[in-house]
Amino acid sequence: MHAWIACLFASSALATFNAEACRSNPPIRVPPLAELAQSSDLVAIVHISRIKPMTAEQVDFTRRTYANPPLNVEIRFPSPSAEFTVIRTLKGPVPASLPLRSGADSCEVMLMEGRDYLIFGRTSSGPDAEIVPLHGTFTIDQSPASTNMLADVERSLSSSNPTPP
């Protein structure tokens, strides 16, 4: 009996752990770093100084849309944005005037204050233009994995001239 209860508890704990994982159909595909670097509008090392929360209007829109979603209409939900400084640009211009999107859920790239990132990004246009980090964006730190991944990206872009900081 105790083993059955322990098994039930363990399975519910695992189910809770997986509840936070992104589920999309089709699954999100993260291309190899070299491919991602070539296909991105911009590649840059940035420092995130502050995450700005969504406005009350954005939160209200999100709640209304989740409660009563329109059918057959693509919706881009608002999300927090990040204040950032560019440490080094590896590809493309980084428009400092545009907000940098920080994901609102686990299916988007979520940025954290005080960290450095290698951003693979796309820039959107229009009145709500922003820089959207792509899956594959990673934290820059002193770990060997981070150093090796950064070197791989730099090698893949070596045929083009990186922009100095």
Foldseek 3Di string as FASTA:
>chain_A
DVVVVVVVVVVVVVVVVCVQADDDVVDDDDDQLLVLLVPFQWWFKKAFADWAFDDPVLVVVVVVCVVPPDPPDDDDRAGIFTQIDTPFTFHHDDPNVATEGADPGNVAHHDDHGWIKTFRWHWDDDPNIHTGGDPVIDTQDDDPVNVVSVVVNNVSSVVPDTDGD
